[in-house]
C-alpha atoms as a PDB file:
ATOM      1  CA  MET A   1     -49.834 -46.701-202.461  1.00  0.00           C
ATOM      2  CA  SER A   2     -53.360 -48.054-202.892  1.00  0.00           C
ATOM      3  CA  LEU A   3     -54.176 -51.686-203.592  1.00  0.00           C
ATOM      4  CA  LYS A   4     -55.549 -50.680-206.997  1.00  0.00           C
ATOM      5  CA  LYS A   5     -52.255 -49.009-208.001  1.00  0.00           C
ATOM      6  CA  ILE A   6     -50.198 -51.976-206.792  1.00  0.00           C
ATOM      7  CA  ASN A   7     -52.450 -54.373-208.726  1.00  0.00           C
ATOM      8  CA  THR A   8     -52.232 -52.202-211.835  1.00  0.00           C
ATOM      9  CA  VAL A   9     -48.434 -52.064-211.713  1.00  0.00           C
ATOM     10  CA  LEU A  10     -48.178 -55.832-211.157  1.00  0.00           C
ATOM     11  CA  ALA A  11     -50.579 -56.564-214.021  1.00  0.00           C
ATOM     12  CA  ALA A  12     -48.686 -54.177-216.317  1.00  0.00           C
ATOM     13  CA  VAL A  13     -45.396 -55.883-215.417  1.00  0.00           C
ATOM     14  CA  PHE A  14     -46.885 -59.285-216.250  1.00  0.00           C
ATOM     15  CA  ILE A  15     -48.251 -57.988-219.541  1.00  0.00           C
ATOM     16  CA  LEU A  16     -44.908 -56.495-220.580  1.00  0.00           C
ATOM     17  CA  PHE A  17     -42.955 -59.567-219.429  1.00  0.00           C
ATOM     18  CA  ILE A  18     -45.213 -62.022-221.275  1.00  0.00           C
ATOM     19  CA  LEU A  19     -45.294 -59.811-224.376  1.00  0.00           C
ATOM     20  CA  TRP A  20     -41.502 -59.477-224.407  1.00  0.00           C
ATOM     21  CA  PHE A  21     -40.922 -63.173-223.822  1.00  0.00           C
ATOM     22  CA  GLY A  22     -43.418 -64.197-226.502  1.00  0.00           C
ATOM     23  CA  THR A  23     -41.905 -61.776-229.012  1.00  0.00           C
ATOM     24  CA  GLU A  24     -38.458 -63.223-228.329  1.00  0.00           C
ATOM     25  CA  TYR A  25     -39.749 -66.721-229.136  1.00  0.00           C
ATOM     26  CA  ILE A  26     -41.188 -65.458-232.407  1.00  0.00           C
ATOM     27  CA  LEU A  27     -38.147 -63.437-233.514  1.00  0.00           C
ATOM     28  CA  SER A  28     -35.310 -65.660-232.308  1.00  0.00           C
ATOM     29  CA  PRO A  29     -36.563 -69.002-230.979  1.00  0.00           C
ATOM     30  CA  GLU A  30     -33.142 -70.658-231.175  1.00  0.00           C
ATOM     31  CA  THR A  31     -31.610 -68.210-228.676  1.00  0.00           C
ATOM     32  CA  THR A  32     -34.658 -67.899-226.413  1.00  0.00           C
ATOM     33  CA  ALA A  33     -35.619 -71.554-226.170  1.00  0.00           C
ATOM     34  CA  PRO A  34     -32.814 -72.714-223.841  1.00  0.00           C
ATOM     35  CA  GLY A  35     -34.387 -70.619-221.073  1.00  0.00           C
ATOM     36  CA  TYR A  36     -37.575 -72.684-221.213  1.00  0.00           C
ATOM     37  CA  GLY A  37     -35.990 -75.536-219.280  1.00  0.00           C
ATOM     38  CA  LEU A  38     -36.338 -78.609-221.481  1.00  0.00           C
ATOM     39  CA  PRO A  39     -33.257 -80.822-221.876  1.00  0.00           C
ATOM     40  CA  ASN A  40     -33.665 -81.530-225.622  1.00  0.00           C
ATOM     41  CA  TRP A  41     -34.738 -79.269-228.433  1.00  0.00           C
ATOM     42  CA  PRO A  42     -36.561 -80.154-231.609  1.00  0.00           C
ATOM     43  CA  SER A  43     -34.243 -81.143-234.419  1.00  0.00           C
ATOM     44  CA  GLY A  44     -34.540 -80.046-238.017  1.00  0.00           C
ATOM     45  CA  ASP A  45     -37.313 -77.524-238.514  1.00  0.00           C
ATOM     46  CA  GLY A  46     -38.370 -77.475-234.862  1.00  0.00           C
ATOM     47  CA  ASP A  47     -38.376 -73.688-234.636  1.00  0.00           C
ATOM     48  CA  GLY A  48     -42.021 -73.726-235.729  1.00  0.00           C
ATOM     49  CA  PHE A  49     -43.046 -75.354-232.471  1.00  0.00           C
ATOM     50  CA  LEU A  50     -41.114 -72.761-230.500  1.00  0.00           C
ATOM     51  CA  ILE A  51     -42.765 -69.950-232.445  1.00  0.00           C
ATOM     52  CA  ILE A  52     -46.150 -71.407-231.431  1.00  0.00           C
ATOM     53  CA  LYS A  53     -45.206 -70.767-227.807  1.00  0.00           C
ATOM     54  CA  GLY A  54     -44.303 -67.201-228.694  1.00  0.00           C
ATOM     55  CA  ILE A  55     -47.606 -66.609-230.439  1.00  0.00           C
ATOM     56  CA  ARG A  56     -49.457 -68.059-227.441  1.00  0.00           C
ATOM     57  CA  ASP A  57     -47.596 -65.767-225.058  1.00  0.00           C
ATOM     58  CA  VAL A  58     -48.210 -62.661-227.188  1.00  0.00           C
ATOM     59  CA  VAL A  59     -51.931 -63.448-227.384  1.00  0.00           C
ATOM     60  CA  LEU A  60     -52.113 -64.027-223.602  1.00  0.00           C
ATOM     61  CA  ALA A  61     -50.414 -60.665-223.020  1.00  0.00           C
ATOM     62  CA  LEU A  62     -52.707 -58.846-225.451  1.00  0.00           C
ATOM     63  CA  VAL A  63     -55.829 -60.209-223.755  1.00  0.00           C
ATOM     64  CA  LEU A  64     -54.550 -58.989-220.368  1.00  0.00           C
ATOM     65  CA  GLY A  65     -53.544 -55.659-221.866  1.00  0.00           C
ATOM     66  CA  ILE A  66     -56.955 -55.050-223.420  1.00  0.00           C
ATOM     67  CA  LEU A  67     -58.692 -55.779-220.124  1.00  0.00           C
ATOM     68  CA  LEU A  68     -56.321 -53.491-218.233  1.00  0.00           C
ATOM     69  CA  VAL A  69     -56.590 -50.598-220.700  1.00  0.00           C
ATOM     70  CA  THR A  70     -60.375 -50.816-220.960  1.00  0.00           C
ATOM     71  CA  GLY A  71     -60.805 -50.907-217.185  1.00  0.00           C
ATOM     72  CA  HIS A  72     -62.438 -54.330-216.948  1.00  0.00           C
ATOM     73  CA  ARG A  73     -60.669 -55.043-213.694  1.00  0.00           C
ATOM     74  CA  ARG A  74     -62.814 -57.924-212.438  1.00  0.00           C
ATOM     75  CA  ALA A  75     -62.424 -59.702-215.780  1.00  0.00           C
ATOM     76  CA  LEU A  76     -58.685 -58.948-215.601  1.00  0.00           C
ATOM     77  CA  GLY A  77     -58.523 -60.737-212.254  1.00  0.00           C
ATOM     78  CA  TRP A  78     -60.325 -63.772-213.620  1.00  0.00           C
ATOM     79  CA  VAL A  79     -58.182 -63.917-216.751  1.00  0.00           C
ATOM     80  CA  LEU A  80     -54.969 -63.662-214.702  1.00  0.00           C
ATOM     81  CA  LEU A  81     -56.165 -66.668-212.695  1.00  0.00           C
ATOM     82  CA  VAL A  82     -56.968 -68.659-215.836  1.00  0.00           C
ATOM     83  CA  GLU A  83     -53.827 -67.658-217.750  1.00  0.00           C
ATOM     84  CA  ALA A  84     -51.695 -68.770-214.816  1.00  0.00           C
ATOM     85  CA  LEU A  85     -52.653 -72.276-215.918  1.00  0.00           C
ATOM     86  CA  ALA A  86     -50.496 -71.804-219.038  1.00  0.00           C
ATOM     87  CA  ALA A  87     -47.441 -71.117-216.874  1.00  0.00           C
ATOM     88  CA  TYR A  88     -48.288 -74.051-214.588  1.00  0.00           C
ATOM     89  CA  GLY A  89     -48.633 -76.139-217.757  1.00  0.00           C
ATOM     90  CA  ASP A  90     -45.172 -75.012-218.891  1.00  0.00           C
ATOM     91  CA  MET A  91     -43.802 -76.028-215.487  1.00  0.00           C
ATOM     92  CA  THR A  92     -45.463 -79.428-215.738  1.00  0.00           C
ATOM     93  CA  ASN A  93     -44.128 -79.888-219.270  1.00  0.00           C
ATOM     94  CA  VAL A  94     -40.556 -79.154-218.190  1.00  0.00           C
ATOM     95  CA  LEU A  95     -40.805 -81.499-215.185  1.00  0.00           C
ATOM     96  CA  ALA A  96     -42.512 -84.273-217.179  1.00  0.00           C
ATOM     97  CA  HIS A  97     -39.726 -84.214-219.772  1.00  0.00           C
ATOM     98  CA  HIS A  98     -36.924 -84.307-217.195  1.00  0.00           C
ATOM     99  CA  GLY A  99     -35.957 -80.697-217.771  1.00  0.00           C
ATOM    100  CA  SER A 100     -34.441 -78.231-215.370  1.00  0.00           C
ATOM    101  CA  VAL A 101     -36.244 -78.336-212.027  1.00  0.00           C
ATOM    102  CA  ALA A 102     -34.782 -74.928-211.185  1.00  0.00           C
ATOM    103  CA  THR A 103     -36.283 -73.401-214.328  1.00  0.00           C
ATOM    104  CA  ALA A 104     -39.589 -75.226-213.869  1.00  0.00           C
ATOM    105  CA  LEU A 105     -39.989 -73.914-210.341  1.00  0.00           C
ATOM    106  CA  GLY A 106     -38.013 -70.670-210.483  1.00  0.00           C
ATOM    107  CA  VAL A 107     -39.445 -69.382-213.747  1.00  0.00           C
ATOM    108  CA  HIS A 108     -42.700 -71.119-214.657  1.00  0.00           C
ATOM    109  CA  CYS A 109     -44.091 -71.924-211.196  1.00  0.00           C
ATOM    110  CA  LEU A 110     -43.041 -68.579-209.728  1.00  0.00           C
ATOM    111  CA  THR A 111     -44.580 -66.671-212.640  1.00  0.00           C
ATOM    112  CA  ALA A 112     -47.822 -68.656-212.392  1.00  0.00           C
ATOM    113  CA  THR A 113     -48.047 -68.221-208.628  1.00  0.00           C
ATOM    114  CA  LEU A 114     -47.448 -64.474-208.855  1.00  0.00           C
ATOM    115  CA  MET A 115     -50.135 -64.266-211.532  1.00  0.00           C
ATOM    116  CA  VAL A 116     -52.538 -66.085-209.192  1.00  0.00           C
ATOM    117  CA  VAL A 117     -51.677 -63.697-206.351  1.00  0.00           C
ATOM    118  CA  ASN A 118     -52.179 -60.680-208.627  1.00  0.00           C
ATOM    119  CA  GLY A 119     -55.461 -62.112-209.914  1.00  0.00           C
ATOM    120  CA  LEU A 120     -56.725 -62.760-206.382  1.00  0.00           C
ATOM    121  CA  LEU A 121     -55.717 -59.268-205.264  1.00  0.00           C
ATOM    122  CA  ILE A 122     -57.616 -57.766-208.185  1.00  0.00           C
ATOM    123  CA  MET A 123     -60.625 -59.944-207.356  1.00  0.00           C
ATOM    124  CA  ARG A 124     -60.438 -58.708-203.753  1.00  0.00           C
ATOM    125  CA  GLU A 125     -60.132 -55.113-204.918  1.00  0.00           C
ATOM    126  CA  THR A 126     -63.188 -55.414-207.160  1.00  0.00           C
ATOM    127  CA  ARG A 127     -65.503 -57.431-204.940  1.00  0.00           C
ATOM    128  CA  LYS A 128     -68.752 -55.749-204.185  1.00  0.00           C
ATOM    129  CA  ALA A 129     -69.332 -54.661-200.637  1.00  0.00           C
ATOM    130  CA  THR A 130     -72.409 -56.219-199.153  1.00  0.00           C
ATOM    131  CA  PRO A 131     -74.865 -53.574-198.097  1.00  0.00           C
ATOM    132  CA  ALA A 132     -75.904 -53.323-194.494  1.00  0.00           C
ATOM    133  CA  PRO A 133     -79.289 -54.882-193.819  1.00  0.00           C
ATOM    134  CA  ALA A 134     -82.056 -52.390-194.109  1.00  0.00           C
ATOM    135  CA  THR A 135     -83.792 -51.870-190.801  1.00  0.00           C
ATOM    136  CA  PRO A 136     -87.105 -50.129-190.856  1.00  0.00           C
ATOM    137  CA  ALA A 137     -87.148 -46.737-189.281  1.00  0.00           C
ATOM    138  CA  PRO A 138     -89.085 -46.613-186.036  1.00  0.00           C
ATOM    139  CA  GLN A 139     -92.619 -45.406-186.576  1.00  0.00           C
ATOM    140  CA  PRO A 140     -94.132 -42.880-184.200  1.00  0.00           C
ATOM    141  CA  ALA A 141     -96.968 -44.270-182.180  1.00  0.00           C
END
């Protein structure tokens, strides 16, 4: 399988995963939220804050999906690298609030790192080859 196909499959998996996860936060935040890794959940009408995470995730997935479908592969690589910061931010949030280290590292950090790897592979796939230096053809004397 070519590098381009592997990168495409990985990007599609990320898109579907992020889209699914974000949709779950929007539709049923109270059942999805415990998987985030924080020890305490908002009381009262805290579901609104959890829905914000879902909306963020859906938007991140849609941006990746548009770039993949339209064939903007170099931009897709860059956006994967940048969007990995959201997952690293989630990891940092969980760790900073004394949440589950296993979830912080096993879910958020792993997802972010795989996104970085996928982004770098796409950047490698799309880099422009440097042309060989032009040497003048020998001239007859």
